[in-house]
Amino acid sequence: MRKVILTLTFLLAAVIVNSQSLEEIVKKYSAANKLDKVAAFKTIRISGNMSMMGMDIPVEVWMKKPDKIKSVTNFNGQEVMQVFDGTKGYIMNPLTGASTPVEMSAAETKQILRNNMFNNYLDSYLKEGALTLEGEENVNGKAAHKIKAVLDGGISMIMYIDKSSGLMVKTSATVPAEGMTMTVDSYPADYKEINGLFLPMKTTTSAQGMEFVQTYSKVEVDVPMDDSIFTVK
């Protein structure tokens, strides 16, 4: 009995240390990304470009506190739009022949909300008990904490946070796709602070043998943003 109690004590201690380590990592991540400043903003607008298969595709994103978000991707004059109006999410994709907005599924809505910069999603995952510390791994020659998140919608994500800087240097997500699963690897880089917002100006993503690079060219905060921007018709 004494050995059993001792073993349980050691296991409990290990769980507590692991939990503290996660909290410390998330705290350092939040500080490194200056997420305390984001709370003071009311709106964020980002313009950029996505390079894929020899094409340069303009991208614009609007965000209004607390949870309104809209992204528009322009494919040769045809705009693919994703929007969450604060209550529901919609997709408008003329490339599929659709001429009217289609309401997002619950999983799609959660995915677009993960892009909301007003939300410290890593801290939210920690509070939800969705994170586990999986040790360390080198990313681009530097040691990184390896953290796993199991999310709703069948999504599992591994996040790599640089031990020295506290910045995210890689994410590897396993997502459902047409009855199968697909792995999406992303490498955020070139972090800069612009107008008080600290973010990676370049992200390289690969999936299914394809690679695309997203770069930001303009970052604005607290610009006037009417709610009508997030209304679909």
C-alpha atoms as a PDB file:
ATOM      1  CA  MET A   1       0.000   0.000   0.000  1.00  0.00           C
ATOM      2  CA  ARG A   2       2.834   2.370   0.870  1.00  0.00           C
ATOM      3  CA  LYS A   3       4.429   1.808  -2.553  1.00  0.00           C
ATOM      4  CA  VAL A   4       1.092   2.433  -4.278  1.00  0.00           C
ATOM      5  CA  ILE A   5       0.614   5.718  -2.417  1.00  0.00           C
ATOM      6  CA  LEU A   6       4.189   6.742  -3.219  1.00  0.00           C
ATOM      7  CA  THR A   7       3.690   5.948  -6.902  1.00  0.00           C
ATOM      8  CA  LEU A   8       0.461   7.947  -7.033  1.00  0.00           C
ATOM      9  CA  THR A   9       2.205  10.852  -5.333  1.00  0.00           C
ATOM     10  CA  PHE A  10       4.943  10.867  -7.963  1.00  0.00           C
ATOM     11  CA  LEU A  11       2.351  10.695 -10.761  1.00  0.00           C
ATOM     12  CA  LEU A  12       0.402  13.601  -9.273  1.00  0.00           C
ATOM     13  CA  ALA A  13       3.603  15.620  -8.951  1.00  0.00           C
ATOM     14  CA  ALA A  14       4.430  14.935 -12.597  1.00  0.00           C
ATOM     15  CA  VAL A  15       0.997  16.160 -13.691  1.00  0.00           C
ATOM     16  CA  ILE A  16       1.388  19.356 -11.647  1.00  0.00           C
ATOM     17  CA  VAL A  17       4.860  20.060 -13.072  1.00  0.00           C
ATOM     18  CA  ASN A  18       3.570  19.442 -16.608  1.00  0.00           C
ATOM     19  CA  SER A  19       0.665  21.822 -16.012  1.00  0.00           C
ATOM     20  CA  GLN A  20       2.947  24.508 -14.630  1.00  0.00           C
ATOM     21  CA  SER A  21       5.280  24.118 -17.586  1.00  0.00           C
ATOM     22  CA  LEU A  22       2.418  24.606 -20.026  1.00  0.00           C
ATOM     23  CA  GLU A  23       1.248  27.693 -18.170  1.00  0.00           C
ATOM     24  CA  GLU A  24       4.748  29.155 -18.257  1.00  0.00           C
ATOM     25  CA  ILE A  25       5.117  28.451 -21.975  1.00  0.00           C
ATOM     26  CA  VAL A  26       1.739  30.022 -22.802  1.00  0.00           C
ATOM     27  CA  LYS A  27       2.557  33.013 -20.611  1.00  0.00           C
ATOM     28  CA  LYS A  28       5.875  33.515 -22.436  1.00  0.00           C
ATOM     29  CA  TYR A  29       4.143  33.084 -25.807  1.00  0.00           C
ATOM     30  CA  SER A  30       1.543  35.718 -24.886  1.00  0.00           C
ATOM     31  CA  ALA A  31       4.231  38.164 -23.781  1.00  0.00           C
ATOM     32  CA  ALA A  32       6.427  37.537 -26.837  1.00  0.00           C
ATOM     33  CA  ASN A  33       3.506  38.219 -29.171  1.00  0.00           C
ATOM     34  CA  LYS A  34       2.494  41.305 -27.145  1.00  0.00           C
ATOM     35  CA  LEU A  35      -1.069  40.058 -26.963  1.00  0.00           C
ATOM     36  CA  ASP A  36      -1.858  42.422 -24.101  1.00  0.00           C
ATOM     37  CA  LYS A  37      -1.752  45.291 -26.622  1.00  0.00           C
ATOM     38  CA  VAL A  38      -4.311  43.637 -28.895  1.00  0.00           C
ATOM     39  CA  ALA A  39      -6.961  43.911 -26.182  1.00  0.00           C
ATOM     40  CA  ALA A  40      -6.882  47.702 -26.540  1.00  0.00           C
ATOM     41  CA  PHE A  41      -7.702  47.653 -30.269  1.00  0.00           C
ATOM     42  CA  LYS A  42     -11.222  47.828 -31.669  1.00  0.00           C
ATOM     43  CA  THR A  43     -10.562  46.896 -35.306  1.00  0.00           C
ATOM     44  CA  ILE A  44      -7.815  45.279 -37.370  1.00  0.00           C
ATOM     45  CA  ARG A  45      -7.447  45.310 -41.137  1.00  0.00           C
ATOM     46  CA  ILE A  46      -4.741  43.368 -42.954  1.00  0.00           C
ATOM     47  CA  SER A  47      -3.906  43.340 -46.660  1.00  0.00           C
ATOM     48  CA  GLY A  48      -1.598  40.810 -48.221  1.00  0.00           C
ATOM     49  CA  ASN A  49      -0.866  38.354 -50.953  1.00  0.00           C
ATOM     50  CA  MET A  50      -0.906  34.582 -51.355  1.00  0.00           C
ATOM     51  CA  SER A  51       1.478  32.974 -53.830  1.00  0.00           C
ATOM     52  CA  MET A  52       0.387  29.566 -55.092  1.00  0.00           C
ATOM     53  CA  MET A  53       1.156  27.577 -58.246  1.00  0.00           C
ATOM     54  CA  GLY A  54       2.685  30.607 -59.933  1.00  0.00           C
ATOM     55  CA  MET A  55      -0.252  32.844 -59.076  1.00  0.00           C
ATOM     56  CA  ASP A  56      -0.261  35.931 -56.850  1.00  0.00           C
ATOM     57  CA  ILE A  57      -3.625  36.194 -55.126  1.00  0.00           C
ATOM     58  CA  PRO A  58      -4.646  39.334 -53.175  1.00  0.00           C
ATOM     59  CA  VAL A  59      -6.071  38.715 -49.690  1.00  0.00           C
ATOM     60  CA  GLU A  60      -7.799  41.134 -47.309  1.00  0.00           C
ATOM     61  CA  VAL A  61      -8.964  40.480 -43.757  1.00  0.00           C
ATOM     62  CA  TRP A  62     -11.217  42.642 -41.560  1.00  0.00           C
ATOM     63  CA  MET A  63     -11.699  42.028 -37.834  1.00  0.00           C
ATOM     64  CA  LYS A  64     -13.908  43.929 -35.416  1.00  0.00           C
ATOM     65  CA  LYS A  65     -13.901  43.311 -31.683  1.00  0.00           C
ATOM     66  CA  PRO A  66     -15.012  41.004 -30.206  1.00  0.00           C
ATOM     67  CA  ASP A  67     -15.649  38.390 -32.902  1.00  0.00           C
ATOM     68  CA  LYS A  68     -16.661  39.803 -36.281  1.00  0.00           C
ATOM     69  CA  ILE A  69     -14.301  38.658 -39.024  1.00  0.00           C
ATOM     70  CA  LYS A  70     -14.245  38.687 -42.807  1.00  0.00           C
ATOM     71  CA  SER A  71     -11.679  37.488 -45.332  1.00  0.00           C
ATOM     72  CA  VAL A  72     -11.755  38.054 -49.078  1.00  0.00           C
ATOM     73  CA  THR A  73      -9.495  36.216 -51.522  1.00  0.00           C
ATOM     74  CA  ASN A  74      -9.471  37.512 -55.104  1.00  0.00           C
ATOM     75  CA  PHE A  75      -8.993  34.853 -57.818  1.00  0.00           C
ATOM     76  CA  ASN A  76      -8.721  36.677 -61.164  1.00  0.00           C
ATOM     77  CA  GLY A  77     -11.493  39.089 -60.274  1.00  0.00           C
ATOM     78  CA  GLN A  78     -13.710  36.548 -58.522  1.00  0.00           C
ATOM     79  CA  GLU A  79     -13.936  37.087 -54.785  1.00  0.00           C
ATOM     80  CA  VAL A  80     -14.128  34.135 -52.418  1.00  0.00           C
ATOM     81  CA  MET A  81     -15.477  35.431 -49.115  1.00  0.00           C
ATOM     82  CA  GLN A  82     -15.662  33.973 -45.620  1.00  0.00           C
ATOM     83  CA  VAL A  83     -17.434  35.992 -42.949  1.00  0.00           C
ATOM     84  CA  PHE A  84     -18.659  35.660 -39.371  1.00  0.00           C
ATOM     85  CA  ASP A  85     -21.140  38.399 -38.493  1.00  0.00           C
ATOM     86  CA  GLY A  86     -21.014  37.826 -34.743  1.00  0.00           C
ATOM     87  CA  THR A  87     -23.744  35.189 -34.835  1.00  0.00           C
ATOM     88  CA  LYS A  88     -23.359  33.032 -37.945  1.00  0.00           C
ATOM     89  CA  GLY A  89     -20.681  32.235 -40.500  1.00  0.00           C
ATOM     90  CA  TYR A  90     -21.100  32.290 -44.284  1.00  0.00           C
ATOM     91  CA  ILE A  91     -19.097  31.356 -47.376  1.00  0.00           C
ATOM     92  CA  MET A  92     -19.492  32.956 -50.805  1.00  0.00           C
ATOM     93  CA  ASN A  93     -17.542  31.030 -53.432  1.00  0.00           C
ATOM     94  CA  PRO A  94     -18.334  31.857 -57.086  1.00  0.00           C
ATOM     95  CA  LEU A  95     -15.611  29.412 -58.181  1.00  0.00           C
ATOM     96  CA  THR A  96     -18.019  26.591 -57.322  1.00  0.00           C
ATOM     97  CA  GLY A  97     -20.816  28.197 -59.321  1.00  0.00           C
ATOM     98  CA  ALA A  98     -22.619  29.419 -56.202  1.00  0.00           C
ATOM     99  CA  SER A  99     -24.160  32.878 -56.508  1.00  0.00           C
ATOM    100  CA  THR A 100     -25.542  33.155 -52.973  1.00  0.00           C
ATOM    101  CA  PRO A 101     -23.934  32.853 -49.532  1.00  0.00           C
ATOM    102  CA  VAL A 102     -23.887  29.397 -47.915  1.00  0.00           C
ATOM    103  CA  GLU A 103     -24.061  29.115 -44.148  1.00  0.00           C
ATOM    104  CA  MET A 104     -20.959  27.563 -42.616  1.00  0.00           C
ATOM    105  CA  SER A 105     -21.023  24.317 -40.702  1.00  0.00           C
ATOM    106  CA  ALA A 106     -20.168  24.422 -37.005  1.00  0.00           C
ATOM    107  CA  ALA A 107     -16.642  23.143 -37.758  1.00  0.00           C
ATOM    108  CA  GLU A 108     -16.086  25.773 -40.486  1.00  0.00           C
ATOM    109  CA  THR A 109     -17.317  28.519 -38.159  1.00  0.00           C
ATOM    110  CA  LYS A 110     -14.898  27.459 -35.426  1.00  0.00           C
ATOM    111  CA  GLN A 111     -12.080  27.427 -37.975  1.00  0.00           C
ATOM    112  CA  ILE A 112     -12.623  31.026 -39.093  1.00  0.00           C
ATOM    113  CA  LEU A 113     -12.930  32.144 -35.476  1.00  0.00           C
ATOM    114  CA  ARG A 114      -9.499  30.630 -34.754  1.00  0.00           C
ATOM    115  CA  ASN A 115      -8.137  33.352 -37.044  1.00  0.00           C
ATOM    116  CA  ASN A 116      -9.583  36.067 -34.820  1.00  0.00           C
ATOM    117  CA  MET A 117      -6.572  38.012 -33.551  1.00  0.00           C
ATOM    118  CA  PHE A 118      -8.552  39.421 -30.632  1.00  0.00           C
ATOM    119  CA  ASN A 119      -8.556  35.927 -29.134  1.00  0.00           C
ATOM    120  CA  ASN A 120      -5.451  34.445 -27.496  1.00  0.00           C
ATOM    121  CA  TYR A 121      -6.325  30.992 -28.767  1.00  0.00           C
ATOM    122  CA  LEU A 122      -3.387  29.248 -27.102  1.00  0.00           C
ATOM    123  CA  ASP A 123      -4.466  30.569 -23.697  1.00  0.00           C
ATOM    124  CA  SER A 124      -8.057  29.536 -24.481  1.00  0.00           C
ATOM    125  CA  TYR A 125      -6.934  25.994 -25.336  1.00  0.00           C
ATOM    126  CA  LEU A 126      -4.994  25.863 -22.067  1.00  0.00           C
ATOM    127  CA  LYS A 127      -8.040  26.898 -20.031  1.00  0.00           C
ATOM    128  CA  GLU A 128     -10.178  24.345 -21.866  1.00  0.00           C
ATOM    129  CA  GLY A 129      -7.713  21.576 -20.987  1.00  0.00           C
ATOM    130  CA  ALA A 130      -7.084  20.884 -24.675  1.00  0.00           C
ATOM    131  CA  LEU A 131      -3.259  21.133 -24.495  1.00  0.00           C
ATOM    132  CA  THR A 132      -0.601  18.583 -23.651  1.00  0.00           C
ATOM    133  CA  LEU A 133       3.146  19.103 -23.602  1.00  0.00           C
ATOM    134  CA  GLU A 134       4.786  16.544 -25.905  1.00  0.00           C
ATOM    135  CA  GLY A 135       8.436  17.341 -25.209  1.00  0.00           C
ATOM    136  CA  GLU A 136      10.799  19.232 -27.500  1.00  0.00           C
ATOM    137  CA  GLU A 137      11.831  19.156 -31.144  1.00  0.00           C
ATOM    138  CA  ASN A 138      14.180  21.159 -33.334  1.00  0.00           C
ATOM    139  CA  VAL A 139      12.582  23.428 -35.917  1.00  0.00           C
ATOM    140  CA  ASN A 140      14.958  25.090 -38.382  1.00  0.00           C
ATOM    141  CA  GLY A 141      17.869  24.173 -36.124  1.00  0.00           C
ATOM    142  CA  LYS A 142      16.401  25.653 -32.933  1.00  0.00           C
ATOM    143  CA  ALA A 143      14.860  23.909 -29.932  1.00  0.00           C
ATOM    144  CA  ALA A 144      11.093  24.296 -29.681  1.00  0.00           C
ATOM    145  CA  HIS A 145       8.427  23.203 -27.225  1.00  0.00           C
ATOM    146  CA  LYS A 146       6.068  20.686 -28.838  1.00  0.00           C
ATOM    147  CA  ILE A 147       2.459  21.199 -27.728  1.00  0.00           C
ATOM    148  CA  LYS A 148      -0.524  19.156 -28.883  1.00  0.00           C
ATOM    149  CA  ALA A 149      -4.057  20.527 -29.066  1.00  0.00           C
ATOM    150  CA  VAL A 150      -7.101  18.314 -29.677  1.00  0.00           C
ATOM    151  CA  LEU A 151      -9.880  20.529 -31.013  1.00  0.00           C
ATOM    152  CA  ASP A 152     -13.518  20.186 -32.003  1.00  0.00           C
ATOM    153  CA  GLY A 153     -14.346  19.092 -35.521  1.00  0.00           C
ATOM    154  CA  GLY A 154     -11.828  16.260 -35.647  1.00  0.00           C
ATOM    155  CA  ILE A 155      -8.832  18.600 -35.780  1.00  0.00           C
ATOM    156  CA  SER A 156      -5.583  17.715 -34.046  1.00  0.00           C
ATOM    157  CA  MET A 157      -2.770  20.259 -34.027  1.00  0.00           C
ATOM    158  CA  ILE A 158       0.864  20.216 -32.973  1.00  0.00           C
ATOM    159  CA  MET A 159       2.303  23.662 -32.211  1.00  0.00           C
ATOM    160  CA  TYR A 160       6.008  24.370 -31.975  1.00  0.00           C
ATOM    161  CA  ILE A 161       7.049  27.332 -29.848  1.00  0.00           C
ATOM    162  CA  ASP A 162      10.661  28.485 -29.946  1.00  0.00           C
ATOM    163  CA  LYS A 163      12.170  28.002 -26.485  1.00  0.00           C
ATOM    164  CA  SER A 164      14.294  31.123 -26.718  1.00  0.00           C
ATOM    165  CA  SER A 165      11.908  33.669 -28.240  1.00  0.00           C
ATOM    166  CA  GLY A 166       8.524  32.240 -27.219  1.00  0.00           C
ATOM    167  CA  LEU A 167       7.268  32.649 -30.799  1.00  0.00           C
ATOM    168  CA  MET A 168       5.323  30.095 -32.821  1.00  0.00           C
ATOM    169  CA  VAL A 169       7.656  28.685 -35.483  1.00  0.00           C
ATOM    170  CA  LYS A 170       5.572  25.807 -36.845  1.00  0.00           C
ATOM    171  CA  THR A 171       2.109  24.284 -36.699  1.00  0.00           C
ATOM    172  CA  SER A 172       1.146  20.870 -38.009  1.00  0.00           C
ATOM    173  CA  ALA A 173      -2.601  20.249 -38.190  1.00  0.00           C
ATOM    174  CA  THR A 174      -4.466  17.069 -39.071  1.00  0.00           C
ATOM    175  CA  VAL A 175      -7.845  18.039 -40.488  1.00  0.00           C
ATOM    176  CA  PRO A 176     -10.765  16.111 -42.031  1.00  0.00           C
ATOM    177  CA  ALA A 177     -11.130  16.560 -45.788  1.00  0.00           C
ATOM    178  CA  GLU A 178     -13.745  14.816 -47.935  1.00  0.00           C
ATOM    179  CA  GLY A 179     -13.948  11.753 -45.712  1.00  0.00           C
ATOM    180  CA  MET A 180     -10.181  11.535 -45.303  1.00  0.00           C
ATOM    181  CA  THR A 181      -7.591  13.348 -43.215  1.00  0.00           C
ATOM    182  CA  MET A 182      -5.049  15.853 -44.437  1.00  0.00           C
ATOM    183  CA  THR A 183      -1.906  17.203 -42.755  1.00  0.00           C
ATOM    184  CA  VAL A 184      -1.255  20.926 -43.100  1.00  0.00           C
ATOM    185  CA  ASP A 185       2.173  22.236 -42.069  1.00  0.00           C
ATOM    186  CA  SER A 186       2.713  25.993 -41.609  1.00  0.00           C
ATOM    187  CA  TYR A 187       5.872  27.953 -40.821  1.00  0.00           C
ATOM    188  CA  PRO A 188       5.243  31.536 -39.621  1.00  0.00           C
ATOM    189  CA  ALA A 189       8.286  33.803 -39.920  1.00  0.00           C
ATOM    190  CA  ASP A 190       9.520  37.381 -40.287  1.00  0.00           C
ATOM    191  CA  TYR A 191       7.795  38.636 -37.121  1.00  0.00           C
ATOM    192  CA  LYS A 192       7.350  42.407 -36.923  1.00  0.00           C
ATOM    193  CA  GLU A 193       5.439  44.925 -34.848  1.00  0.00           C
ATOM    194  CA  ILE A 194       3.343  47.288 -36.982  1.00  0.00           C
ATOM    195  CA  ASN A 195       1.029  49.858 -35.414  1.00  0.00           C
ATOM    196  CA  GLY A 196       1.270  47.966 -32.130  1.00  0.00           C
ATOM    197  CA  LEU A 197       0.286  44.623 -33.686  1.00  0.00           C
ATOM    198  CA  PHE A 198       2.963  41.921 -33.584  1.00  0.00           C
ATOM    199  CA  LEU A 199       2.583  39.154 -36.144  1.00  0.00           C
ATOM    200  CA  PRO A 200       4.430  36.995 -38.711  1.00  0.00           C
ATOM    201  CA  MET A 201       4.630  38.852 -41.997  1.00  0.00           C
ATOM    202  CA  LYS A 202       5.246  35.626 -43.922  1.00  0.00           C
ATOM    203  CA  THR A 203       3.788  32.140 -43.509  1.00  0.00           C
ATOM    204  CA  THR A 204       4.703  29.174 -45.691  1.00  0.00           C
ATOM    205  CA  THR A 205       2.139  26.377 -45.766  1.00  0.00           C
ATOM    206  CA  SER A 206       2.250  22.942 -47.383  1.00  0.00           C
ATOM    207  CA  ALA A 207      -0.477  20.324 -47.808  1.00  0.00           C
ATOM    208  CA  GLN A 208      -1.034  17.409 -50.174  1.00  0.00           C
ATOM    209  CA  GLY A 209       2.184  18.170 -52.043  1.00  0.00           C
ATOM    210  CA  MET A 210       1.176  21.791 -52.625  1.00  0.00           C
ATOM    211  CA  GLU A 211       2.839  24.860 -51.125  1.00  0.00           C
ATOM    212  CA  PHE A 212       1.666  28.429 -50.816  1.00  0.00           C
ATOM    213  CA  VAL A 213       3.185  31.491 -49.191  1.00  0.00           C
ATOM    214  CA  GLN A 214       1.112  34.197 -47.541  1.00  0.00           C
ATOM    215  CA  THR A 215       2.672  37.599 -46.939  1.00  0.00           C
ATOM    216  CA  TYR A 216       1.238  40.713 -45.306  1.00  0.00           C
ATOM    217  CA  SER A 217       1.903  44.082 -46.937  1.00  0.00           C
ATOM    218  CA  LYS A 218      -0.296  46.414 -44.867  1.00  0.00           C
ATOM    219  CA  VAL A 219      -1.491  46.284 -41.269  1.00  0.00           C
ATOM    220  CA  GLU A 220      -3.982  48.814 -39.850  1.00  0.00           C
ATOM    221  CA  VAL A 221      -5.586  49.072 -36.429  1.00  0.00           C
ATOM    222  CA  ASP A 222      -8.555  51.060 -35.129  1.00  0.00           C
ATOM    223  CA  VAL A 223      -9.696  52.056 -38.619  1.00  0.00           C
ATOM    224  CA  PRO A 224     -13.423  52.906 -38.975  1.00  0.00           C
ATOM    225  CA  MET A 225     -15.279  49.667 -39.719  1.00  0.00           C
ATOM    226  CA  ASP A 226     -19.043  49.638 -40.080  1.00  0.00           C
ATOM    227  CA  ASP A 227     -20.954  46.469 -39.167  1.00  0.00           C
ATOM    228  CA  SER A 228     -22.305  46.370 -42.723  1.00  0.00           C
ATOM    229  CA  ILE A 229     -18.898  45.067 -43.835  1.00  0.00           C
ATOM    230  CA  PHE A 230     -19.768  41.784 -42.125  1.00  0.00           C
ATOM    231  CA  THR A 231     -23.259  41.546 -43.611  1.00  0.00           C
ATOM    232  CA  VAL A 232     -23.831  39.096 -46.430  1.00  0.00           C
ATOM    233  CA  LYS A 233     -26.531  39.481 -49.087  1.00  0.00           C
END
